[in-house]
PDB file of N, CA and C in Angstrom:
ATOM      1  N   MET A   1      99.801  20.958  11.004  1.00  0.00           N
ATOM      2  CA  MET A   1     101.286  20.680  11.151  1.00  0.00           C
ATOM      3  C   MET A   1     101.493  21.552  11.696  1.00  0.00           C
ATOM      4  N   THR A   2     102.811  20.766  13.071  1.00  0.00           N
ATOM      5  CA  THR A   2     103.754  21.587  14.748  1.00  0.00           C
ATOM      6  C   THR A   2     104.437  22.329  13.550  1.00  0.00           C
ATOM      7  N   ILE A   3     104.654  22.492  14.016  1.00  0.00           N
ATOM      8  CA  ILE A   3     105.700  23.935  14.040  1.00  0.00           C
ATOM      9  C   ILE A   3     107.318  23.769  13.710  1.00  0.00           C
ATOM     10  N   LYS A   4     107.559  22.553  14.331  1.00  0.00           N
ATOM     11  CA  LYS A   4     109.453  21.253  14.090  1.00  0.00           C
ATOM     12  C   LYS A   4     109.218  20.215  13.065  1.00  0.00           C
ATOM     13  N   GLU A   5     107.430  20.393  12.835  1.00  0.00           N
ATOM     14  CA  GLU A   5     107.224  20.465  10.905  1.00  0.00           C
ATOM     15  C   GLU A   5     108.015  21.088   9.365  1.00  0.00           C
ATOM     16  N   ARG A   6     107.413  22.002  10.435  1.00  0.00           N
ATOM     17  CA  ARG A   6     107.079  23.041   9.453  1.00  0.00           C
ATOM     18  C   ARG A   6     109.072  23.961   9.423  1.00  0.00           C
ATOM     19  N   ILE A   7     109.557  23.873  10.078  1.00  0.00           N
ATOM     20  CA  ILE A   7     110.970  23.730  10.432  1.00  0.00           C
ATOM     21  C   ILE A   7     111.382  22.991   9.171  1.00  0.00           C
ATOM     22  N   LEU A   8     111.562  21.475   9.155  1.00  0.00           N
ATOM     23  CA  LEU A   8     111.872  20.457   9.026  1.00  0.00           C
ATOM     24  C   LEU A   8     112.016  20.378   7.493  1.00  0.00           C
ATOM     25  N   LEU A   9     110.653  20.971   6.390  1.00  0.00           N
ATOM     26  CA  LEU A   9     109.909  21.619   5.858  1.00  0.00           C
ATOM     27  C   LEU A   9     111.215  21.973   5.284  1.00  0.00           C
ATOM     28  N   ASP A  10     111.302  23.577   5.966  1.00  0.00           N
ATOM     29  CA  ASP A  10     111.922  24.268   5.342  1.00  0.00           C
ATOM     30  C   ASP A  10     113.242  24.540   5.294  1.00  0.00           C
ATOM     31  N   LEU A  11     113.907  23.633   5.541  1.00  0.00           N
ATOM     32  CA  LEU A  11     114.946  22.888   6.143  1.00  0.00           C
ATOM     33  C   LEU A  11     116.123  22.121   4.289  1.00  0.00           C
ATOM     34  N   ALA A  12     114.239  20.857   4.331  1.00  0.00           N
ATOM     35  CA  ALA A  12     114.586  20.237   3.187  1.00  0.00           C
ATOM     36  C   ALA A  12     114.634  21.046   2.144  1.00  0.00           C
ATOM     37  N   GLU A  13     114.252  22.147   2.025  1.00  0.00           N
ATOM     38  CA  GLU A  13     114.626  22.810   0.726  1.00  0.00           C
ATOM     39  C   GLU A  13     115.856  23.926   0.936  1.00  0.00           C
ATOM     40  N   ILE A  14     116.661  23.850   1.944  1.00  0.00           N
ATOM     41  CA  ILE A  14     117.530  24.679   1.704  1.00  0.00           C
ATOM     42  C   ILE A  14     118.825  23.396   1.048  1.00  0.00           C
ATOM     43  N   GLU A  15     119.555  24.104   0.157  1.00  0.00           N
ATOM     44  CA  GLU A  15     120.662  23.169  -0.465  1.00  0.00           C
ATOM     45  C   GLU A  15     122.082  23.509  -0.088  1.00  0.00           C
ATOM     46  N   SER A  16     122.428  24.910  -0.309  1.00  0.00           N
ATOM     47  CA  SER A  16     123.669  25.439   0.086  1.00  0.00           C
ATOM     48  C   SER A  16     124.299  24.672   1.742  1.00  0.00           C
ATOM     49  N   SER A  17     124.778  23.746   1.525  1.00  0.00           N
ATOM     50  CA  SER A  17     125.392  23.523   2.771  1.00  0.00           C
ATOM     51  C   SER A  17     126.039  24.756   3.495  1.00  0.00           C
ATOM     52  N   ARG A  18     126.932  25.241   2.753  1.00  0.00           N
ATOM     53  CA  ARG A  18     126.800  27.022   4.031  1.00  0.00           C
ATOM     54  C   ARG A  18     126.362  27.521   4.889  1.00  0.00           C
ATOM     55  N   LEU A  19     124.760  27.512   4.183  1.00  0.00           N
ATOM     56  CA  LEU A  19     123.475  27.944   5.184  1.00  0.00           C
ATOM     57  C   LEU A  19     123.647  26.738   6.180  1.00  0.00           C
ATOM     58  N   LEU A  20     123.314  25.935   5.830  1.00  0.00           N
ATOM     59  CA  LEU A  20     122.897  24.977   6.318  1.00  0.00           C
ATOM     60  C   LEU A  20     124.003  24.277   7.921  1.00  0.00           C
ATOM     61  N   TYR A  21     125.176  24.628   7.804  1.00  0.00           N
ATOM     62  CA  TYR A  21     126.225  24.634   8.370  1.00  0.00           C
ATOM     63  C   TYR A  21     125.840  26.099   9.305  1.00  0.00           C
ATOM     64  N   GLN A  22     125.766  26.831   9.412  1.00  0.00           N
ATOM     65  CA  GLN A  22     125.839  27.891  10.242  1.00  0.00           C
ATOM     66  C   GLN A  22     124.325  28.375  10.399  1.00  0.00           C
ATOM     67  N   ILE A  23     123.289  27.549   9.901  1.00  0.00           N
ATOM     68  CA  ILE A  23     122.036  27.454  11.027  1.00  0.00           C
ATOM     69  C   ILE A  23     122.529  25.539  11.856  1.00  0.00           C
ATOM     70  N   PHE A  24     123.169  24.855  11.527  1.00  0.00           N
ATOM     71  CA  PHE A  24     123.241  23.514  12.744  1.00  0.00           C
ATOM     72  C   PHE A  24     124.197  24.429  14.031  1.00  0.00           C
ATOM     73  N   GLU A  25     125.751  25.722  13.344  1.00  0.00           N
ATOM     74  CA  GLU A  25     125.991  25.979  14.170  1.00  0.00           C
ATOM     75  C   GLU A  25     124.886  27.148  15.343  1.00  0.00           C
ATOM     76  N   PHE A  26     124.145  27.854  14.773  1.00  0.00           N
ATOM     77  CA  PHE A  26     123.063  27.845  15.397  1.00  0.00           C
ATOM     78  C   PHE A  26     122.442  27.898  16.840  1.00  0.00           C
ATOM     79  N   VAL A  27     121.967  26.259  15.883  1.00  0.00           N
ATOM     80  CA  VAL A  27     120.946  25.232  16.696  1.00  0.00           C
ATOM     81  C   VAL A  27     121.595  25.344  17.647  1.00  0.00           C
ATOM     82  N   HIS A  28     123.454  24.450  17.840  1.00  0.00           N
ATOM     83  CA  HIS A  28     124.087  24.765  19.075  1.00  0.00           C
ATOM     84  C   HIS A  28     123.741  25.335  19.963  1.00  0.00           C
ATOM     85  N   LEU A  29     124.472  26.382  19.307  1.00  0.00           N
ATOM     86  CA  LEU A  29     124.284  27.969  20.207  1.00  0.00           C
ATOM     87  C   LEU A  29     123.079  27.658  21.640  1.00  0.00           C
ATOM     88  N   ILE A  30     122.000  27.730  21.079  1.00  0.00           N
ATOM     89  CA  ILE A  30     120.626  27.957  21.272  1.00  0.00           C
ATOM     90  C   ILE A  30     121.230  26.503  22.520  1.00  0.00           C
ATOM     91  N   LYS A  31     120.811  25.592  21.719  1.00  0.00           N
ATOM     92  CA  LYS A  31     121.503  23.857  23.042  1.00  0.00           C
ATOM     93  C   LYS A  31     121.634  24.558  24.352  1.00  0.00           C
ATOM     94  N   LYS A  32     122.895  25.035  23.631  1.00  0.00           N
ATOM     95  CA  LYS A  32     124.020  25.213  25.357  1.00  0.00           C
ATOM     96  C   LYS A  32     123.334  26.419  25.804  1.00  0.00           C
ATOM     97  N   ASN A  33     122.407  27.024  25.822  1.00  0.00           N
ATOM     98  CA  ASN A  33     121.542  28.207  26.326  1.00  0.00           C
ATOM     99  C   ASN A  33     120.970  27.152  27.243  1.00  0.00           C
ATOM    100  N   ILE A  34     120.048  26.664  26.928  1.00  0.00           N
ATOM    101  CA  ILE A  34     118.821  26.019  27.540  1.00  0.00           C
ATOM    102  C   ILE A  34     118.679  25.937  28.400  1.00  0.00           C
ATOM    103  N   ARG A  35     118.306  26.012  29.748  1.00  0.00           N
ATOM    104  CA  ARG A  35     118.016  25.189  31.011  1.00  0.00           C
ATOM    105  C   ARG A  35     117.964  23.792  31.178  1.00  0.00           C
ATOM    106  N   PRO A  36     118.789  22.347  31.758  1.00  0.00           N
ATOM    107  CA  PRO A  36     117.589  21.245  31.610  1.00  0.00           C
ATOM    108  C   PRO A  36     116.325  21.553  32.160  1.00  0.00           C
ATOM    109  N   GLU A  37     115.232  20.621  32.573  1.00  0.00           N
ATOM    110  CA  GLU A  37     113.843  20.680  32.720  1.00  0.00           C
ATOM    111  C   GLU A  37     114.031  20.568  34.105  1.00  0.00           C
ATOM    112  N   GLU A  38     115.394  20.396  34.840  1.00  0.00           N
ATOM    113  CA  GLU A  38     114.905  19.843  36.334  1.00  0.00           C
ATOM    114  C   GLU A  38     115.215  21.102  36.789  1.00  0.00           C
ATOM    115  N   GLY A  39     115.586  22.225  36.068  1.00  0.00           N
ATOM    116  CA  GLY A  39     115.824  23.537  36.752  1.00  0.00           C
ATOM    117  C   GLY A  39     117.827  24.264  37.123  1.00  0.00           C
ATOM    118  N   ASN A  40     117.016  24.248  39.030  1.00  0.00           N
ATOM    119  CA  ASN A  40     119.407  24.859  38.987  1.00  0.00           C
ATOM    120  C   ASN A  40     119.708  23.842  39.866  1.00  0.00           C
ATOM    121  N   ILE A  41     119.194  22.651  39.762  1.00  0.00           N
ATOM    122  CA  ILE A  41     119.273  20.752  40.447  1.00  0.00           C
ATOM    123  C   ILE A  41     121.165  20.775  41.000  1.00  0.00           C
ATOM    124  N   GLU A  42     122.363  21.158  39.545  1.00  0.00           N
ATOM    125  CA  GLU A  42     123.208  21.588  40.127  1.00  0.00           C
ATOM    126  C   GLU A  42     124.122  22.658  40.535  1.00  0.00           C
ATOM    127  N   GLU A  43     123.360  23.648  40.882  1.00  0.00           N
ATOM    128  CA  GLU A  43     123.411  24.736  41.573  1.00  0.00           C
ATOM    129  C   GLU A  43     123.606  24.515  42.827  1.00  0.00           C
ATOM    130  N   VAL A  44     122.110  24.351  42.977  1.00  0.00           N
ATOM    131  CA  VAL A  44     121.901  23.547  44.437  1.00  0.00           C
ATOM    132  C   VAL A  44     122.731  21.977  45.541  1.00  0.00           C
ATOM    133  N   LEU A  45     123.041  21.290  44.949  1.00  0.00           N
ATOM    134  CA  LEU A  45     123.229  20.401  45.127  1.00  0.00           C
ATOM    135  C   LEU A  45     125.159  20.570  45.190  1.00  0.00           C
ATOM    136  N   ALA A  46     125.701  21.348  45.002  1.00  0.00           N
ATOM    137  CA  ALA A  46     126.648  22.801  45.232  1.00  0.00           C
ATOM    138  C   ALA A  46     126.899  22.608  46.813  1.00  0.00           C
ATOM    139  N   PHE A  47     125.973  22.966  47.129  1.00  0.00           N
ATOM    140  CA  PHE A  47     125.748  23.837  48.813  1.00  0.00           C
ATOM    141  C   PHE A  47     125.426  22.038  49.574  1.00  0.00           C
ATOM    142  N   ALA A  48     125.091  20.817  48.908  1.00  0.00           N
ATOM    143  CA  ALA A  48     124.853  19.419  49.902  1.00  0.00           C
ATOM    144  C   ALA A  48     126.354  19.402  50.759  1.00  0.00           C
ATOM    145  N   GLY A  49     125.402  18.712  52.369  1.00  0.00           N
ATOM    146  CA  GLY A  49     126.635  19.039  53.039  1.00  0.00           C
ATOM    147  C   GLY A  49     127.349  20.963  53.731  1.00  0.00           C
ATOM    148  N   SER A  50     126.611  21.799  53.234  1.00  0.00           N
ATOM    149  CA  SER A  50     127.328  22.450  54.007  1.00  0.00           C
ATOM    150  C   SER A  50     127.057  23.474  55.106  1.00  0.00           C
ATOM    151  N   LEU A  51     125.539  22.537  55.326  1.00  0.00           N
ATOM    152  CA  LEU A  51     125.178  22.996  56.806  1.00  0.00           C
ATOM    153  C   LEU A  51     125.000  21.400  57.989  1.00  0.00           C
ATOM    154  N   PRO A  52     125.767  21.526  58.882  1.00  0.00           N
ATOM    155  CA  PRO A  52     125.138  20.524  59.496  1.00  0.00           C
ATOM    156  C   PRO A  52     124.392  19.477  60.276  1.00  0.00           C
ATOM    157  N   ASP A  53     123.861  18.674  59.791  1.00  0.00           N
ATOM    158  CA  ASP A  53     122.761  17.713  60.664  1.00  0.00           C
ATOM    159  C   ASP A  53     122.532  18.315  61.633  1.00  0.00           C
ATOM    160  N   GLU A  54     122.854  18.772  62.152  1.00  0.00           N
ATOM    161  CA  GLU A  54     122.097  19.660  64.127  1.00  0.00           C
ATOM    162  C   GLU A  54     121.327  20.586  63.731  1.00  0.00           C
ATOM    163  N   ASP A  55     122.318  21.875  62.898  1.00  0.00           N
ATOM    164  CA  ASP A  55     121.497  23.210  62.529  1.00  0.00           C
ATOM    165  C   ASP A  55     120.372  22.616  61.662  1.00  0.00           C
ATOM    166  N   ALA A  56     120.550  20.864  60.149  1.00  0.00           N
ATOM    167  CA  ALA A  56     118.942  21.387  59.846  1.00  0.00           C
ATOM    168  C   ALA A  56     117.820  20.608  60.163  1.00  0.00           C
ATOM    169  N   VAL A  57     118.781  19.997  61.327  1.00  0.00           N
ATOM    170  CA  VAL A  57     117.353  19.449  62.324  1.00  0.00           C
ATOM    171  C   VAL A  57     116.006  20.989  62.224  1.00  0.00           C
ATOM    172  N   GLN A  58     117.124  21.515  63.522  1.00  0.00           N
ATOM    173  CA  GLN A  58     116.402  22.724  64.293  1.00  0.00           C
ATOM    174  C   GLN A  58     115.826  23.292  63.377  1.00  0.00           C
ATOM    175  N   MET A  59     116.153  23.871  61.436  1.00  0.00           N
ATOM    176  CA  MET A  59     115.308  24.335  60.837  1.00  0.00           C
ATOM    177  C   MET A  59     114.939  24.274  60.907  1.00  0.00           C
ATOM    178  N   GLN A  60     114.426  22.327  60.452  1.00  0.00           N
ATOM    179  CA  GLN A  60     113.032  21.982  59.969  1.00  0.00           C
ATOM    180  C   GLN A  60     112.208  21.820  61.281  1.00  0.00           C
ATOM    181  N   LYS A  61     112.518  22.058  62.288  1.00  0.00           N
ATOM    182  CA  LYS A  61     111.463  22.257  63.777  1.00  0.00           C
ATOM    183  C   LYS A  61     110.838  22.969  64.077  1.00  0.00           C
ATOM    184  N   ASP A  62     111.863  24.471  63.938  1.00  0.00           N
ATOM    185  CA  ASP A  62     111.523  25.554  63.206  1.00  0.00           C
ATOM    186  C   ASP A  62     110.133  26.195  62.389  1.00  0.00           C
ATOM    187  N   ILE A  63     110.741  25.821  61.422  1.00  0.00           N
ATOM    188  CA  ILE A  63     110.002  25.826  60.365  1.00  0.00           C
ATOM    189  C   ILE A  63     108.456  25.910  60.430  1.00  0.00           C
ATOM    190  N   SER A  64     108.652  23.960  61.193  1.00  0.00           N
ATOM    191  CA  SER A  64     107.759  23.308  61.502  1.00  0.00           C
ATOM    192  C   SER A  64     106.750  23.862  62.324  1.00  0.00           C
ATOM    193  N   GLU A  65     107.513  24.614  63.794  1.00  0.00           N
ATOM    194  CA  GLU A  65     106.619  24.730  64.813  1.00  0.00           C
ATOM    195  C   GLU A  65     105.508  26.453  64.096  1.00  0.00           C
ATOM    196  N   GLU A  66     106.710  27.291  63.648  1.00  0.00           N
ATOM    197  CA  GLU A  66     105.804  27.909  62.989  1.00  0.00           C
ATOM    198  C   GLU A  66     105.768  28.547  61.903  1.00  0.00           C
ATOM    199  N   PHE A  67     104.909  27.446  61.393  1.00  0.00           N
ATOM    200  CA  PHE A  67     104.541  27.292  59.143  1.00  0.00           C
ATOM    201  C   PHE A  67     103.556  26.132  59.885  1.00  0.00           C
ATOM    202  N   GLY A  68     103.472  25.441  60.841  1.00  0.00           N
ATOM    203  CA  GLY A  68     103.047  23.790  60.652  1.00  0.00           C
ATOM    204  C   GLY A  68     100.821  24.125  61.190  1.00  0.00           C
ATOM    205  N   LYS A  69     101.287  24.897  60.898  1.00  0.00           N
ATOM    206  CA  LYS A  69      99.227  25.114  62.231  1.00  0.00           C
ATOM    207  C   LYS A  69      99.202  26.345  61.294  1.00  0.00           C
ATOM    208  N   ILE A  70      97.508  26.800  61.104  1.00  0.00           N
ATOM    209  CA  ILE A  70      97.144  27.736  60.693  1.00  0.00           C
ATOM    210  C   ILE A  70      95.986  28.319  61.861  1.00  0.00           C
ATOM    211  N   GLU A  71      97.020  29.789  62.295  1.00  0.00           N
ATOM    212  CA  GLU A  71      95.481  29.966  63.139  1.00  0.00           C
ATOM    213  C   GLU A  71      94.930  30.741  63.287  1.00  0.00           C
ATOM    214  N   GLY A  72      93.938  30.353  64.234  1.00  0.00           N
ATOM    215  CA  GLY A  72      92.641  31.016  63.967  1.00  0.00           C
ATOM    216  C   GLY A  72      91.392  29.182  64.350  1.00  0.00           C
ATOM    217  N   GLU A  73      91.765  28.134  63.871  1.00  0.00           N
ATOM    218  CA  GLU A  73      91.422  27.156  63.818  1.00  0.00           C
ATOM    219  C   GLU A  73      91.825  26.428  65.022  1.00  0.00           C
TER     220      GLU A  73
END
């Protein structure tokens, strides 16, 4: 039996609407604090367009030149 199934069984046994409402609020509080699986996409996209294209191209070129080769081979 999965943990989700066990939780559902436990919830089914609770008859107090007040207690169920507290559990409901708790679950929603937890859901608000869970980061989406995509990570921090919104935070990263906030910087979109803040770097001029010419600078971005130069950075890509520099990174490729510095880290695109393995020394000694």
